[in-house]
């Protein structure tokens, strides 16, 4: 089966919208933990202007300690 890229992109967008309440609840739960592990990963992002060059951005991830009983990364 072949699906147009626009259809797949639409499905991903709809899933993201539908799952946002879960993401918000998980973020609130994780950020309440007393110990968090953090990761700052640099990524290249295309600029929106006409030259289409990239710039450095960062992807931040947070996870509670393994002793918290919550296996989650936000």
PDB file of N, CA and C in Angstrom:
ATOM      1  N   UNK A   1       0.841  -1.158   0.000  1.00  0.00           N
ATOM      2  CA  UNK A   1       0.000   0.000   0.000  1.00  0.00           C
ATOM      3  C   UNK A   1       0.900   1.238   0.000  1.00  0.00           C
ATOM      4  N   UNK A   2       0.591   2.175  -0.837  1.00  0.00           N
ATOM      5  CA  UNK A   2       1.325   3.430  -0.908  1.00  0.00           C
ATOM      6  C   UNK A   2       0.439   4.551  -0.378  1.00  0.00           C
ATOM      7  N   UNK A   3       0.979   5.302   0.575  1.00  0.00           N
ATOM      8  CA  UNK A   3       0.251   6.436   1.143  1.00  0.00           C
ATOM      9  C   UNK A   3       0.997   7.722   0.830  1.00  0.00           C
ATOM     10  N   UNK A   4       0.266   8.764   0.492  1.00  0.00           N
ATOM     11  CA  UNK A   4       0.926  10.048   0.259  1.00  0.00           C
ATOM     12  C   UNK A   4       1.590  10.550   1.544  1.00  0.00           C
ATOM     13  N   UNK A   5       2.709  11.216   1.392  1.00  0.00           N
ATOM     14  CA  UNK A   5       3.419  11.776   2.531  1.00  0.00           C
ATOM     15  C   UNK A   5       2.522  12.726   3.326  1.00  0.00           C
ATOM     16  N   UNK A   6       1.674  13.458   2.633  1.00  0.00           N
ATOM     17  CA  UNK A   6       0.782  14.398   3.318  1.00  0.00           C
ATOM     18  C   UNK A   6      -0.199  13.669   4.232  1.00  0.00           C
ATOM     19  N   UNK A   7      -0.641  12.482   3.825  1.00  0.00           N
ATOM     20  CA  UNK A   7      -1.549  11.687   4.660  1.00  0.00           C
ATOM     21  C   UNK A   7      -0.834  11.222   5.921  1.00  0.00           C
ATOM     22  N   UNK A   8       0.378  10.716   5.761  1.00  0.00           N
ATOM     23  CA  UNK A   8       1.149  10.276   6.918  1.00  0.00           C
ATOM     24  C   UNK A   8       1.423  11.438   7.868  1.00  0.00           C
ATOM     25  N   UNK A   9       1.779  12.583   7.315  1.00  0.00           N
ATOM     26  CA  UNK A   9       2.045  13.760   8.138  1.00  0.00           C
ATOM     27  C   UNK A   9       0.790  14.183   8.890  1.00  0.00           C
ATOM     28  N   UNK A  10      -0.352  14.104   8.233  1.00  0.00           N
ATOM     29  CA  UNK A  10      -1.618  14.452   8.878  1.00  0.00           C
ATOM     30  C   UNK A  10      -1.920  13.498  10.028  1.00  0.00           C
ATOM     31  N   UNK A  11      -1.697  12.216   9.813  1.00  0.00           N
ATOM     32  CA  UNK A  11      -1.930  11.224  10.872  1.00  0.00           C
ATOM     33  C   UNK A  11      -1.029  11.473  12.075  1.00  0.00           C
ATOM     34  N   UNK A  12       0.233  11.777  11.825  1.00  0.00           N
ATOM     35  CA  UNK A  12       1.163  12.056  12.919  1.00  0.00           C
ATOM     36  C   UNK A  12       0.705  13.295  13.690  1.00  0.00           C
ATOM     37  N   UNK A  13       0.277  14.315  12.978  1.00  0.00           N
ATOM     38  CA  UNK A  13      -0.219  15.521  13.626  1.00  0.00           C
ATOM     39  C   UNK A  13      -1.451  15.257  14.470  1.00  0.00           C
ATOM     40  N   UNK A  14      -2.370  14.448  13.963  1.00  0.00           N
ATOM     41  CA  UNK A  14      -3.579  14.103  14.709  1.00  0.00           C
ATOM     42  C   UNK A  14      -3.245  13.293  15.960  1.00  0.00           C
ATOM     43  N   UNK A  15      -2.297  12.376  15.837  1.00  0.00           N
ATOM     44  CA  UNK A  15      -1.867  11.587  17.004  1.00  0.00           C
ATOM     45  C   UNK A  15      -1.234  12.493  18.055  1.00  0.00           C
ATOM     46  N   UNK A  16      -0.400  13.411  17.617  1.00  0.00           N
ATOM     47  CA  UNK A  16       0.223  14.341  18.552  1.00  0.00           C
ATOM     48  C   UNK A  16      -0.803  15.175  19.290  1.00  0.00           C
ATOM     49  N   UNK A  17      -1.802  15.633  18.574  1.00  0.00           N
ATOM     50  CA  UNK A  17      -2.867  16.428  19.190  1.00  0.00           C
ATOM     51  C   UNK A  17      -3.651  15.589  20.195  1.00  0.00           C
ATOM     52  N   UNK A  18      -3.983  14.357  19.818  1.00  0.00           N
ATOM     53  CA  UNK A  18      -4.769  13.479  20.692  1.00  0.00           C
ATOM     54  C   UNK A  18      -3.991  13.075  21.944  1.00  0.00           C
ATOM     55  N   UNK A  19      -2.675  12.927  21.823  1.00  0.00           N
ATOM     56  CA  UNK A  19      -1.854  12.480  22.949  1.00  0.00           C
ATOM     57  C   UNK A  19      -1.348  13.616  23.836  1.00  0.00           C
ATOM     58  N   UNK A  20      -1.599  14.860  23.469  1.00  0.00           N
ATOM     59  CA  UNK A  20      -1.078  15.992  24.239  1.00  0.00           C
ATOM     60  C   UNK A  20      -1.502  15.976  25.706  1.00  0.00           C
ATOM     61  N   UNK A  21      -2.752  15.637  26.055  1.00  0.00           N
ATOM     62  CA  UNK A  21      -3.102  15.570  27.485  1.00  0.00           C
ATOM     63  C   UNK A  21      -2.255  14.549  28.256  1.00  0.00           C
ATOM     64  N   UNK A  22      -1.930  13.433  27.632  1.00  0.00           N
ATOM     65  CA  UNK A  22      -1.070  12.437  28.267  1.00  0.00           C
ATOM     66  C   UNK A  22       0.340  12.995  28.464  1.00  0.00           C
ATOM     67  N   UNK A  23       0.859  13.681  27.472  1.00  0.00           N
ATOM     68  CA  UNK A  23       2.185  14.296  27.571  1.00  0.00           C
ATOM     69  C   UNK A  23       2.210  15.321  28.705  1.00  0.00           C
ATOM     70  N   UNK A  24       1.180  16.144  28.793  1.00  0.00           N
ATOM     71  CA  UNK A  24       1.112  17.159  29.846  1.00  0.00           C
ATOM     72  C   UNK A  24       1.081  16.525  31.234  1.00  0.00           C
ATOM     73  N   UNK A  25       0.286  15.470  31.403  1.00  0.00           N
ATOM     74  CA  UNK A  25       0.192  14.786  32.698  1.00  0.00           C
ATOM     75  C   UNK A  25       1.515  14.122  33.063  1.00  0.00           C
ATOM     76  N   UNK A  26       2.163  13.508  32.096  1.00  0.00           N
ATOM     77  CA  UNK A  26       3.446  12.857  32.341  1.00  0.00           C
ATOM     78  C   UNK A  26       4.515  13.886  32.704  1.00  0.00           C
ATOM     79  N   UNK A  27       4.523  15.018  32.010  1.00  0.00           N
ATOM     80  CA  UNK A  27       5.480  16.087  32.314  1.00  0.00           C
ATOM     81  C   UNK A  27       5.293  16.565  33.752  1.00  0.00           C
ATOM     82  N   UNK A  28       4.053  16.787  34.147  1.00  0.00           N
ATOM     83  CA  UNK A  28       3.773  17.246  35.502  1.00  0.00           C
ATOM     84  C   UNK A  28       4.261  16.226  36.536  1.00  0.00           C
ATOM     85  N   UNK A  29       4.031  14.956  36.283  1.00  0.00           N
ATOM     86  CA  UNK A  29       4.456  13.895  37.201  1.00  0.00           C
ATOM     87  C   UNK A  29       5.983  13.811  37.289  1.00  0.00           C
ATOM     88  N   UNK A  30       6.651  13.838  36.153  1.00  0.00           N
ATOM     89  CA  UNK A  30       8.113  13.725  36.139  1.00  0.00           C
ATOM     90  C   UNK A  30       8.757  14.916  36.837  1.00  0.00           C
ATOM     91  N   UNK A  31       8.282  16.118  36.568  1.00  0.00           N
ATOM     92  CA  UNK A  31       8.910  17.312  37.125  1.00  0.00           C
ATOM     93  C   UNK A  31       8.687  17.466  38.624  1.00  0.00           C
ATOM     94  N   UNK A  32       7.802  16.678  39.215  1.00  0.00           N
ATOM     95  CA  UNK A  32       7.591  16.708  40.663  1.00  0.00           C
ATOM     96  C   UNK A  32       8.600  15.840  41.412  1.00  0.00           C
ATOM     97  N   UNK A  33       9.334  15.004  40.711  1.00  0.00           N
ATOM     98  CA  UNK A  33      10.286  14.101  41.357  1.00  0.00           C
ATOM     99  C   UNK A  33      11.478  14.893  41.898  1.00  0.00           C
ATOM    100  N   UNK A  34      12.029  14.463  43.051  1.00  0.00           N
ATOM    101  CA  UNK A  34      13.122  15.226  43.663  1.00  0.00           C
ATOM    102  C   UNK A  34      14.454  15.133  42.914  1.00  0.00           C
ATOM    103  N   UNK A  35      14.659  14.055  42.164  1.00  0.00           N
ATOM    104  CA  UNK A  35      15.906  13.880  41.416  1.00  0.00           C
ATOM    105  C   UNK A  35      15.572  13.662  39.948  1.00  0.00           C
ATOM    106  N   UNK A  36      16.172  14.472  39.085  1.00  0.00           N
ATOM    107  CA  UNK A  36      15.970  14.321  37.646  1.00  0.00           C
ATOM    108  C   UNK A  36      17.325  14.206  36.960  1.00  0.00           C
ATOM    109  N   UNK A  37      17.376  13.380  35.948  1.00  0.00           N
ATOM    110  CA  UNK A  37      18.541  13.296  35.079  1.00  0.00           C
ATOM    111  C   UNK A  37      18.192  14.067  33.812  1.00  0.00           C
ATOM    112  N   UNK A  38      19.131  14.850  33.317  1.00  0.00           N
ATOM    113  CA  UNK A  38      18.868  15.676  32.139  1.00  0.00           C
ATOM    114  C   UNK A  38      19.905  15.403  31.058  1.00  0.00           C
ATOM    115  N   UNK A  39      19.470  15.570  29.817  1.00  0.00           N
ATOM    116  CA  UNK A  39      20.370  15.429  28.675  1.00  0.00           C
ATOM    117  C   UNK A  39      20.114  16.590  27.728  1.00  0.00           C
ATOM    118  N   UNK A  40      21.184  17.201  27.264  1.00  0.00           N
ATOM    119  CA  UNK A  40      21.101  18.311  26.319  1.00  0.00           C
ATOM    120  C   UNK A  40      21.814  17.864  25.044  1.00  0.00           C
ATOM    121  N   UNK A  41      21.055  17.477  24.048  1.00  0.00           N
ATOM    122  CA  UNK A  41      21.627  16.986  22.800  1.00  0.00           C
ATOM    123  C   UNK A  41      21.542  18.072  21.734  1.00  0.00           C
ATOM    124  N   UNK A  42      22.675  18.482  21.150  1.00  0.00           N
ATOM    125  CA  UNK A  42      22.618  19.474  20.074  1.00  0.00           C
ATOM    126  C   UNK A  42      22.105  18.834  18.784  1.00  0.00           C
ATOM    127  N   UNK A  43      21.269  19.570  18.074  1.00  0.00           N
ATOM    128  CA  UNK A  43      20.733  19.098  16.797  1.00  0.00           C
ATOM    129  C   UNK A  43      20.808  20.237  15.785  1.00  0.00           C
ATOM    130  N   UNK A  44      20.877  19.885  14.517  1.00  0.00           N
ATOM    131  CA  UNK A  44      20.851  20.885  13.455  1.00  0.00           C
ATOM    132  C   UNK A  44      19.405  21.092  13.021  1.00  0.00           C
ATOM    133  N   UNK A  45      19.015  22.356  12.916  1.00  0.00           N
ATOM    134  CA  UNK A  45      17.655  22.712  12.520  1.00  0.00           C
ATOM    135  C   UNK A  45      17.740  23.655  11.331  1.00  0.00           C
ATOM    136  N   UNK A  46      16.925  23.401  10.319  1.00  0.00           N
ATOM    137  CA  UNK A  46      16.899  24.298   9.163  1.00  0.00           C
ATOM    138  C   UNK A  46      16.301  25.637   9.547  1.00  0.00           C
ATOM    139  N   UNK A  47      16.945  26.703   9.094  1.00  0.00           N
ATOM    140  CA  UNK A  47      16.402  28.036   9.320  1.00  0.00           C
ATOM    141  C   UNK A  47      15.238  28.268   8.370  1.00  0.00           C
ATOM    142  N   UNK A  48      14.324  29.121   8.766  1.00  0.00           N
ATOM    143  CA  UNK A  48      13.130  29.375   7.960  1.00  0.00           C
ATOM    144  C   UNK A  48      13.373  30.371   6.830  1.00  0.00           C
ATOM    145  N   UNK A  49      14.492  31.074   6.860  1.00  0.00           N
ATOM    146  CA  UNK A  49      14.729  32.079   5.824  1.00  0.00           C
ATOM    147  C   UNK A  49      15.127  31.421   4.501  1.00  0.00           C
ATOM    148  N   UNK A  50      15.379  32.221   3.517  1.00  0.00           N
ATOM    149  CA  UNK A  50      15.589  31.712   2.155  1.00  0.00           C
ATOM    150  C   UNK A  50      16.895  30.957   1.964  1.00  0.00           C
ATOM    151  N   UNK A  51      17.910  31.242   2.768  1.00  0.00           N
ATOM    152  CA  UNK A  51      19.196  30.583   2.519  1.00  0.00           C
ATOM    153  C   UNK A  51      19.220  29.122   2.978  1.00  0.00           C
ATOM    154  N   UNK A  52      18.234  28.712   3.762  1.00  0.00           N
ATOM    155  CA  UNK A  52      18.054  27.313   4.173  1.00  0.00           C
ATOM    156  C   UNK A  52      19.268  26.739   4.902  1.00  0.00           C
ATOM    157  N   UNK A  53      20.030  27.582   5.549  1.00  0.00           N
ATOM    158  CA  UNK A  53      21.151  27.098   6.344  1.00  0.00           C
ATOM    159  C   UNK A  53      20.627  26.503   7.649  1.00  0.00           C
ATOM    160  N   UNK A  54      21.499  25.777   8.318  1.00  0.00           N
ATOM    161  CA  UNK A  54      21.107  25.200   9.597  1.00  0.00           C
ATOM    162  C   UNK A  54      21.696  26.008  10.744  1.00  0.00           C
ATOM    163  N   UNK A  55      21.076  25.873  11.886  1.00  0.00           N
ATOM    164  CA  UNK A  55      21.639  26.438  13.106  1.00  0.00           C
ATOM    165  C   UNK A  55      21.539  25.387  14.207  1.00  0.00           C
ATOM    166  N   UNK A  56      22.291  25.589  15.259  1.00  0.00           N
ATOM    167  CA  UNK A  56      22.308  24.623  16.355  1.00  0.00           C
ATOM    168  C   UNK A  56      21.151  24.906  17.310  1.00  0.00           C
ATOM    169  N   UNK A  57      20.410  23.872  17.601  1.00  0.00           N
ATOM    170  CA  UNK A  57      19.353  23.924  18.603  1.00  0.00           C
ATOM    171  C   UNK A  57      19.624  22.780  19.578  1.00  0.00           C
ATOM    172  N   UNK A  58      18.831  22.701  20.612  1.00  0.00           N
ATOM    173  CA  UNK A  58      19.056  21.671  21.618  1.00  0.00           C
ATOM    174  C   UNK A  58      17.771  20.912  21.907  1.00  0.00           C
ATOM    175  N   UNK A  59      17.912  19.617  22.060  1.00  0.00           N
ATOM    176  CA  UNK A  59      16.818  18.749  22.463  1.00  0.00           C
ATOM    177  C   UNK A  59      17.078  18.376  23.916  1.00  0.00           C
ATOM    178  N   UNK A  60      16.172  18.790  24.791  1.00  0.00           N
ATOM    179  CA  UNK A  60      16.318  18.504  26.213  1.00  0.00           C
ATOM    180  C   UNK A  60      15.448  17.314  26.574  1.00  0.00           C
ATOM    181  N   UNK A  61      16.003  16.419  27.384  1.00  0.00           N
ATOM    182  CA  UNK A  61      15.246  15.270  27.886  1.00  0.00           C
ATOM    183  C   UNK A  61      15.464  15.174  29.391  1.00  0.00           C
ATOM    184  N   UNK A  62      14.395  14.855  30.102  1.00  0.00           N
ATOM    185  CA  UNK A  62      14.450  14.699  31.551  1.00  0.00           C
ATOM    186  C   UNK A  62      13.874  13.347  31.926  1.00  0.00           C
ATOM    187  N   UNK A  63      14.514  12.693  32.898  1.00  0.00           N
ATOM    188  CA  UNK A  63      14.033  11.407  33.391  1.00  0.00           C
ATOM    189  C   UNK A  63      14.227  11.362  34.902  1.00  0.00           C
ATOM    190  N   UNK A  64      13.270  10.762  35.621  1.00  0.00           N
ATOM    191  CA  UNK A  64      13.451  10.617  37.068  1.00  0.00           C
ATOM    192  C   UNK A  64      14.461   9.518  37.377  1.00  0.00           C
ATOM    193  N   UNK A  65      14.910   9.489  38.602  1.00  0.00           N
ATOM    194  CA  UNK A  65      15.829   8.449  39.060  1.00  0.00           C
ATOM    195  C   UNK A  65      15.169   7.076  38.936  1.00  0.00           C
ATOM    196  N   UNK A  66      15.981   6.044  38.755  1.00  0.00           N
ATOM    197  CA  UNK A  66      15.425   4.688  38.647  1.00  0.00           C
ATOM    198  C   UNK A  66      14.772   4.256  39.954  1.00  0.00           C
ATOM    199  N   UNK A  67      15.086   4.926  41.043  1.00  0.00           N
ATOM    200  CA  UNK A  67      14.523   4.586  42.349  1.00  0.00           C
ATOM    201  C   UNK A  67      13.140   5.196  42.563  1.00  0.00           C
ATOM    202  N   UNK A  68      12.662   5.974  41.630  1.00  0.00           N
ATOM    203  CA  UNK A  68      11.360   6.628  41.759  1.00  0.00           C
ATOM    204  C   UNK A  68      10.198   5.736  41.329  1.00  0.00           C
ATOM    205  N   UNK A  69      10.490   4.655  40.609  1.00  0.00           N
ATOM    206  CA  UNK A  69       9.418   3.767  40.170  1.00  0.00           C
ATOM    207  C   UNK A  69       8.616   4.301  38.994  1.00  0.00           C
ATOM    208  N   UNK A  70       9.153   5.274  38.297  1.00  0.00           N
ATOM    209  CA  UNK A  70       8.476   5.842  37.130  1.00  0.00           C
ATOM    210  C   UNK A  70       9.442   5.800  35.955  1.00  0.00           C
ATOM    211  N   UNK A  71       9.172   4.951  34.999  1.00  0.00           N
ATOM    212  CA  UNK A  71      10.013   4.851  33.803  1.00  0.00           C
ATOM    213  C   UNK A  71       9.454   5.785  32.743  1.00  0.00           C
ATOM    214  N   UNK A  72       9.992   6.988  32.691  1.00  0.00           N
ATOM    215  CA  UNK A  72       9.478   7.980  31.752  1.00  0.00           C
ATOM    216  C   UNK A  72      10.596   8.934  31.363  1.00  0.00           C
ATOM    217  N   UNK A  73      10.515   9.436  30.159  1.00  0.00           N
ATOM    218  CA  UNK A  73      11.421  10.475  29.671  1.00  0.00           C
ATOM    219  C   UNK A  73      10.565  11.533  29.001  1.00  0.00           C
ATOM    220  N   UNK A  74      10.789  12.772  29.379  1.00  0.00           N
ATOM    221  CA  UNK A  74      10.064  13.861  28.717  1.00  0.00           C
ATOM    222  C   UNK A  74      11.061  14.790  28.068  1.00  0.00           C
TER     223      UNK A  74
END
